[in-house]
Protein backbone atom coordinates (compact mmCIF):
# COMPACT_ATOMS: atom_id res chain seq x y z
CA UNK A 1 0.42 -0.06 0.23
CA UNK A 2 0.94 3.60 -0.64
CA UNK A 3 2.73 5.35 1.99
CA UNK A 4 -0.10 7.80 1.27
CA UNK A 5 -2.83 5.61 1.87
CA UNK A 6 -1.87 4.52 5.01
CA UNK A 7 -2.86 8.03 6.24
CA UNK A 8 -5.55 9.38 7.75
CA UNK A 9 -8.05 9.93 4.70
CA UNK A 10 -11.17 11.94 3.72
CA UNK A 11 -11.98 14.81 6.31
CA UNK A 12 -8.54 15.37 8.86
CA UNK A 13 -9.70 18.62 10.03
CA UNK A 14 -11.99 21.12 10.09
CA UNK A 15 -12.33 24.35 12.11
CA UNK A 16 -15.37 27.31 12.05
CA UNK A 17 -12.89 29.95 10.63
CA UNK A 18 -13.36 27.64 7.29
CA UNK A 19 -15.44 29.41 3.56
CA UNK A 20 -17.11 26.28 4.15
CA UNK A 21 -18.85 25.48 0.96
CA UNK A 22 -18.45 22.56 -1.89
CA UNK A 23 -15.53 21.10 -2.94
CA UNK A 24 -15.06 19.52 -6.82
CA UNK A 25 -12.20 17.32 -8.08
CA UNK A 26 -11.88 15.21 -10.73
CA UNK A 27 -9.68 12.25 -9.52
CA UNK A 28 -6.83 11.39 -12.19
CA UNK A 29 -7.01 8.00 -11.95
CA UNK A 30 -10.74 7.95 -11.30
CA UNK A 31 -11.99 7.06 -14.97
CA UNK A 32 -14.11 9.77 -15.14
CA UNK A 33 -15.56 10.10 -12.02
CA UNK A 34 -16.33 13.82 -10.87
CA UNK A 35 -17.52 13.91 -6.76
CA UNK A 36 -18.92 16.69 -4.56
CA UNK A 37 -18.47 17.10 -1.22
CA UNK A 38 -19.53 19.64 1.27
CA UNK A 39 -17.55 21.19 3.92
CA UNK A 40 -17.59 17.94 6.48
CA UNK A 41 -16.23 15.72 3.54
CA UNK A 42 -19.80 13.91 2.38
CA UNK A 43 -20.61 13.27 -0.97
CA UNK A 44 -23.06 16.12 -2.38
CA UNK A 45 -23.52 14.74 -6.15
CA UNK A 46 -21.25 12.74 -8.88
CA UNK A 47 -20.89 13.12 -12.75
CA UNK A 48 -19.65 10.00 -14.18
CA UNK A 49 -17.71 10.94 -17.37
CA UNK A 50 -17.27 8.76 -20.56
CA UNK A 51 -13.42 9.08 -20.61
CA UNK A 52 -10.83 10.13 -17.68
CA UNK A 53 -9.72 13.25 -17.15
CA UNK A 54 -6.97 14.87 -19.23
CA UNK A 55 -7.05 17.97 -16.08
CA UNK A 56 -9.70 18.93 -14.33
CA UNK A 57 -13.75 20.07 -14.24
CA UNK A 58 -15.58 22.92 -12.64
CA UNK A 59 -18.86 23.83 -12.18
CA UNK A 60 -20.42 26.20 -14.85
CA UNK A 61 -22.99 29.35 -14.04
CA UNK A 62 -25.85 27.17 -15.32
CA UNK A 63 -24.58 24.49 -13.16
CA UNK A 64 -23.61 22.23 -15.84
CA UNK A 65 -20.23 20.73 -15.27
CA UNK A 66 -17.02 21.66 -17.08
CA UNK A 67 -15.35 18.50 -18.33
CA UNK A 68 -11.15 18.54 -19.74
CA UNK A 69 -11.69 15.09 -20.30
CA UNK A 70 -8.35 12.75 -21.74
CA UNK A 71 -8.91 12.53 -26.03
CA UNK A 72 -8.55 8.82 -26.84
CA UNK A 73 -6.98 9.83 -29.89
CA UNK A 74 -4.52 12.45 -28.82
CA UNK A 75 -1.91 12.91 -31.19
CA UNK A 76 1.72 10.41 -29.98
CA UNK A 77 4.19 13.78 -29.36
CA UNK A 78 6.28 12.38 -26.89
CA UNK A 79 6.71 9.72 -23.98
CA UNK A 80 5.06 11.83 -20.77
CA UNK A 81 2.60 12.97 -23.64
CA UNK A 82 -0.44 10.85 -22.52
CA UNK A 83 0.21 12.28 -19.01
CA UNK A 84 -0.84 15.68 -19.16
CA UNK A 85 -3.07 16.36 -22.47
CA UNK A 86 -6.62 16.69 -22.01
CA UNK A 87 -8.04 17.63 -25.60
CA UNK A 88 -12.00 16.24 -25.21
CA UNK A 89 -14.01 19.17 -23.70
CA UNK A 90 -17.57 18.16 -22.61
CA UNK A 91 -20.39 19.95 -20.78
CA UNK A 92 -22.49 17.82 -18.81
CA UNK A 93 -26.10 18.31 -16.65
CA UNK A 94 -26.57 17.04 -13.42
CA UNK A 95 -27.35 13.23 -14.53
CA UNK A 96 -23.56 13.44 -17.00
CA UNK A 97 -26.03 13.60 -20.03
CA UNK A 98 -23.12 15.58 -22.33
CA UNK A 99 -25.05 18.61 -24.13
CA UNK A 100 -21.77 20.03 -25.58
CA UNK A 101 -18.70 18.90 -27.08
CA UNK A 102 -15.35 20.05 -28.59
CA UNK A 103 -12.46 18.15 -29.63
CA UNK A 104 -8.41 18.74 -29.99
CA UNK A 105 -6.20 16.58 -29.98
CA UNK A 106 -3.59 18.75 -29.76
CA UNK A 107 -4.65 20.46 -26.75
CA UNK A 108 -2.47 19.76 -23.17
CA UNK A 109 -3.14 21.29 -19.50
CA UNK A 110 -5.16 24.02 -18.59
CA UNK A 111 -8.38 25.34 -19.77
CA UNK A 112 -11.28 28.05 -18.83
CA UNK A 113 -14.28 27.93 -19.40
CA UNK A 114 -15.76 31.55 -20.56
CA UNK A 115 -18.92 33.07 -20.93
CA UNK A 116 -19.07 31.82 -24.75
CA UNK A 117 -16.48 29.29 -25.22
CA UNK A 118 -13.38 28.50 -24.26
CA UNK A 119 -9.44 30.12 -23.64
CA UNK A 120 -7.14 26.73 -24.01
CA UNK A 121 -3.61 25.58 -25.13
CA UNK A 122 -2.72 23.32 -27.40
CA UNK A 123 0.89 22.18 -29.07
CA UNK A 124 2.03 22.91 -31.78
CA UNK A 125 5.69 21.84 -33.91
CA UNK A 126 8.06 23.94 -33.41
CA UNK A 127 11.66 22.87 -34.93
CA UNK A 128 13.94 20.23 -34.62
CA UNK A 129 11.53 18.04 -33.55
CA UNK A 130 10.52 20.18 -30.97
CA UNK A 131 6.78 21.33 -29.87
CA UNK A 132 5.78 24.76 -28.71
CA UNK A 133 2.06 26.35 -27.93
CA UNK A 134 -0.84 27.83 -29.16
CA UNK A 135 -3.47 29.84 -26.85
CA UNK A 136 -6.53 29.75 -28.30
CA UNK A 137 -10.25 31.19 -27.63
CA UNK A 138 -12.91 29.42 -29.32
CA UNK A 139 -17.22 29.77 -29.50
CA UNK A 140 -19.36 27.74 -29.22
CA UNK A 141 -19.59 26.41 -32.34
CA UNK A 142 -16.19 25.46 -32.20
CA UNK A 143 -14.68 28.39 -34.11
CA UNK A 144 -11.11 29.84 -33.57
CA UNK A 145 -11.99 34.09 -32.19
CA UNK A 146 -8.76 34.71 -30.59
CA UNK A 147 -5.10 32.89 -31.37
CA UNK A 148 -1.19 33.41 -29.91
CA UNK A 149 1.44 31.53 -30.83
CA UNK A 150 4.29 31.45 -28.21
CA UNK A 151 7.56 31.75 -30.70
CA UNK A 152 5.92 34.78 -32.48
CA UNK A 153 5.88 36.71 -28.96
CA UNK A 154 8.83 35.05 -26.89
CA UNK A 155 12.47 34.02 -27.11
CA UNK A 156 14.13 31.31 -26.00
CA UNK A 157 16.96 33.47 -25.43
CA UNK A 158 15.06 36.00 -22.82
CA UNK A 159 12.89 32.80 -21.53
CA UNK A 160 15.19 29.67 -21.81
CA UNK A 161 14.50 26.50 -20.45
CA UNK A 162 15.35 26.31 -16.56
CA UNK A 163 18.42 23.95 -15.69
CA UNK A 164 16.78 20.56 -14.94
CA UNK A 165 13.09 20.96 -16.78
CA UNK A 166 12.62 19.28 -19.94
CA UNK A 167 13.67 21.34 -23.36
CA UNK A 168 11.60 19.20 -26.06
CA UNK A 169 8.28 21.23 -25.12
CA UNK A 170 9.03 25.26 -24.74
CA UNK A 171 8.03 27.22 -22.60
CA UNK A 172 5.04 24.50 -21.98
CA UNK A 173 1.80 26.69 -20.80
CA UNK A 174 0.33 24.82 -18.02
CA UNK A 175 -1.79 27.41 -16.96
CA UNK A 176 -3.91 30.42 -18.52
CA UNK A 177 -6.50 32.80 -17.08
CA UNK A 178 -8.59 35.54 -19.44
CA UNK A 179 -8.86 38.81 -17.05
CA UNK A 180 -9.34 42.32 -18.10
CA UNK A 181 -8.27 41.52 -21.98
CA UNK A 182 -5.32 39.80 -20.30
CA UNK A 183 -4.51 36.07 -20.89
CA UNK A 184 -2.11 35.78 -17.83
CA UNK A 185 0.27 32.20 -18.97
CA UNK A 186 2.22 30.16 -16.44
CA UNK A 187 5.55 28.92 -18.49
CA UNK A 188 6.38 25.50 -16.65
CA UNK A 189 9.60 24.85 -18.49
CA UNK A 190 11.16 28.32 -18.12
CA UNK A 191 10.20 29.30 -14.74
CA UNK A 192 7.83 32.82 -15.40
CA UNK A 193 4.34 34.02 -15.80
CA UNK A 194 2.95 36.69 -18.47
CA UNK A 195 0.53 38.39 -19.24
CA UNK A 196 -0.97 38.75 -22.82
CA UNK A 197 -3.06 41.79 -24.13
CA UNK A 198 -6.04 40.10 -26.26
CA UNK A 199 -5.58 43.16 -28.69
CA UNK A 200 -1.67 43.70 -29.11
CA UNK A 201 -0.79 40.28 -28.31
CA UNK A 202 2.31 41.98 -26.82
CA UNK A 203 3.32 40.68 -23.19
CA UNK A 204 2.33 43.34 -21.14
CA UNK A 205 3.14 41.85 -17.52
CA UNK A 206 5.82 39.11 -16.43
CA UNK A 207 7.19 37.26 -13.43
CA UNK A 208 10.70 35.43 -13.78
CA UNK A 209 12.73 32.97 -11.70
CA UNK A 210 13.41 33.25 -9.04
CA UNK A 211 10.17 34.78 -7.91
CA UNK A 212 8.45 31.91 -9.52
CA UNK A 213 9.36 28.18 -9.95
CA UNK A 214 7.90 25.40 -12.33
CA UNK A 215 4.62 26.82 -11.19
CA UNK A 216 0.91 26.17 -12.68
CA UNK A 217 -2.25 28.20 -12.10
CA UNK A 218 -1.67 31.78 -12.60
CA UNK A 219 -5.16 33.31 -10.90
CA UNK A 220 -6.21 37.09 -10.80
CA UNK A 221 -8.06 37.83 -7.31
CA UNK A 222 -11.37 40.18 -6.71
CA UNK A 223 -8.51 42.39 -5.05
CA UNK A 224 -6.60 42.44 -8.23
CA UNK A 225 -3.52 40.19 -7.34
CA UNK A 226 -2.08 37.54 -8.98
CA UNK A 227 -1.77 34.27 -7.38
CA UNK A 228 -0.12 31.50 -8.63
CA UNK A 229 0.62 27.82 -7.36
CA UNK A 230 4.56 27.99 -6.95
CA UNK A 231 5.66 24.02 -7.19
CA UNK A 232 9.59 24.59 -6.46
CA UNK A 233 10.75 21.50 -8.59
CA UNK A 234 14.58 23.53 -8.57
CA UNK A 235 15.15 26.15 -6.11
CA UNK A 236 17.69 27.39 -3.74
CA UNK A 237 17.78 26.02 -0.75
CA UNK A 238 18.43 22.61 -1.79
CA UNK A 239 15.15 21.02 -0.05
CA UNK A 240 12.50 20.98 -2.46
CA UNK A 241 9.23 22.85 -1.43
CA UNK A 242 6.13 24.42 -3.04
CA UNK A 243 4.91 27.81 -1.45
CA UNK A 244 1.75 29.92 -2.59
CA UNK A 245 2.76 32.99 -4.40
CA UNK A 246 0.32 36.40 -4.61
CA UNK A 247 2.32 39.71 -6.64
CA UNK A 248 0.32 42.88 -6.93
CA UNK A 249 -0.69 43.18 -10.54
CA UNK A 250 0.44 46.88 -10.86
CA UNK A 251 3.38 46.91 -8.58
CA UNK A 252 4.80 43.23 -9.36
CA UNK A 253 5.93 43.32 -5.99
CA UNK A 254 5.25 39.85 -3.76
CA UNK A 255 2.59 40.83 -0.64
CA UNK A 256 1.70 37.23 0.43
CA UNK A 257 3.01 33.64 0.98
CA UNK A 258 2.14 30.58 2.24
CA UNK A 259 4.77 28.02 2.87
CA UNK A 260 4.56 25.40 5.14
CA UNK A 261 6.15 25.89 8.80
CA UNK A 262 8.09 23.07 7.98
CA UNK A 263 8.57 23.86 4.24
CA UNK A 264 9.21 20.02 2.50
CA UNK A 265 5.97 18.70 4.03
CA UNK A 266 3.55 20.57 1.82
CA UNK A 267 5.63 20.20 -1.47
CA UNK A 268 3.58 18.82 -4.88
CA UNK A 269 6.32 18.28 -7.64
CA UNK A 270 3.35 18.72 -11.03
CA UNK A 271 0.56 20.05 -11.24
CA UNK A 272 -1.10 22.43 -8.15
CA UNK A 273 -4.14 25.10 -7.75
CA UNK A 274 -4.85 27.58 -5.63
CA UNK A 275 -8.00 29.72 -5.25
CA UNK A 276 -8.85 33.01 -3.27
CA UNK A 277 -12.06 32.70 -1.22
CA UNK A 278 -14.70 35.07 -0.06
CA UNK A 279 -14.50 35.10 3.08
CA UNK A 280 -10.08 35.62 2.05
CA UNK A 281 -8.90 32.53 2.76
CA UNK A 282 -6.96 30.16 0.91
CA UNK A 283 -7.89 26.75 -1.10
CA UNK A 284 -4.68 25.17 -2.20
CA UNK A 285 -4.53 21.73 -4.24
CA UNK A 286 -1.46 19.77 -3.24
CA UNK A 287 -2.07 17.81 -6.57
CA UNK A 288 0.34 15.04 -6.21
CA UNK A 289 -0.43 13.77 -3.06
CA UNK A 290 -4.58 14.69 -3.06
CA UNK A 291 -4.57 16.88 -0.37
CA UNK A 292 -6.47 19.56 -0.82
CA UNK A 293 -6.98 22.17 2.43
CA UNK A 294 -7.86 25.56 2.93
CA UNK A 295 -5.70 28.58 5.08
CA UNK A 296 -6.18 31.75 6.84
CA UNK A 297 -4.26 34.78 5.57
CA UNK A 298 -1.80 33.95 8.74
CA UNK A 299 -1.23 30.63 6.71
CA UNK A 300 -3.53 28.16 9.63
CA UNK A 301 -5.30 25.55 7.76
CA UNK A 302 -8.42 25.22 9.16
CA UNK A 303 -10.35 22.38 6.95
CA UNK A 304 -8.09 20.08 5.28
CA UNK A 305 -9.37 16.87 2.97
CA UNK A 306 -7.07 14.10 1.58
CA UNK A 307 -8.65 12.13 -1.37
CA UNK A 308 -9.10 8.69 -0.12
CA UNK A 309 -9.84 7.47 -3.46
CA UNK A 310 -6.24 5.50 -4.83
CA UNK A 311 -5.56 3.51 -8.15
CA UNK A 312 -2.95 3.18 -10.90
CA UNK A 313 -2.77 5.31 -14.26
CA UNK A 314 -3.66 3.14 -16.83
CA UNK A 315 -0.90 1.62 -19.54
CA UNK A 316 1.17 3.51 -21.04
CA UNK A 317 1.24 6.11 -18.37
CA UNK A 318 1.73 4.23 -15.56
CA UNK A 319 5.56 3.29 -16.69
CA UNK A 320 6.06 7.15 -16.14
CA UNK A 321 3.38 7.79 -12.97
CA UNK A 322 3.74 4.50 -10.99
CA UNK A 323 2.00 2.97 -8.08
CA UNK A 324 -1.77 3.47 -6.90
CA UNK A 325 -2.23 7.42 -6.82
CA UNK A 326 -4.80 9.76 -5.49
CA UNK A 327 -3.81 12.87 -7.62
CA UNK A 328 -6.08 15.24 -9.13
CA UNK A 329 -5.36 18.53 -12.04
CA UNK A 330 -7.02 21.03 -9.78
CA UNK A 331 -10.12 21.04 -6.97
CA UNK A 332 -12.37 23.92 -6.58
CA UNK A 333 -14.79 25.51 -3.66
CA UNK A 334 -17.95 26.96 -4.25
CA UNK A 335 -20.13 28.79 -2.14
CA UNK A 336 -23.44 27.38 -3.02
CA UNK A 337 -24.64 24.59 -5.07
């Protein structure tokens, strides 16, 4: 039995300072099962989707589920590609009936469901057997209404692959978030976050190493700050640890950070998400270990849930991520359902 599975699972901590609400997650090895739990850790609703999650699921404003499923016939770009591609986007009603879908076998990592469409990332041929990224917005008819190519606006000289990270996919955009006509993007393999203006397609905001390190999930808060899950695979000092970082969008100064009192006790080498809640607390998904938790502005943990379901990734993914897993790409908290 895996080490995590021998520890306490399900709801492990509850404090009345929690924001409460409902938590949604899509286990990477759950085969398409998407649970919604209440703040007591009890199952409130469940969707069962026809393909395993490529990445995550969200509840849309109309109450339906927006699902980023793993495309069954995705392109085969390089050995670990199947771990992080998505590409089969589906909207499902409360009974898991598919009411809308869109497919792109080159899609990977993150997506944001918009009022009238979808923002997502896709891989593209770059040079010499290497791949880069295209960020697109499509409408509900599947028409591309906006497109941005990384290699046309970025250079490898200014955005080199971080030492120790793979260089076959540059810059590997693993997170996208549209806010006020700026698309914020996480550049995983170069350790950077950029903001691209919708109209000019120019980079108008940026953060680089060492302020961020192999990060995921850049999100703008209601207070005009940007928070991100900073994985920290490679960072000084040598003890690996993750942290949550928050930057003022105007000054670009760091205004808040969360690190565990024992830094390596909070660490996800891959995936990860963060969300600022309505009461000022912060909801975090420590993806690799299926740990979902909420902290106060002072960094005190007031709610914690460890996903209790473990399974192996299907072949051939289990050659790259071995053992039984309880991971999920992102988790989302909702005030009402």
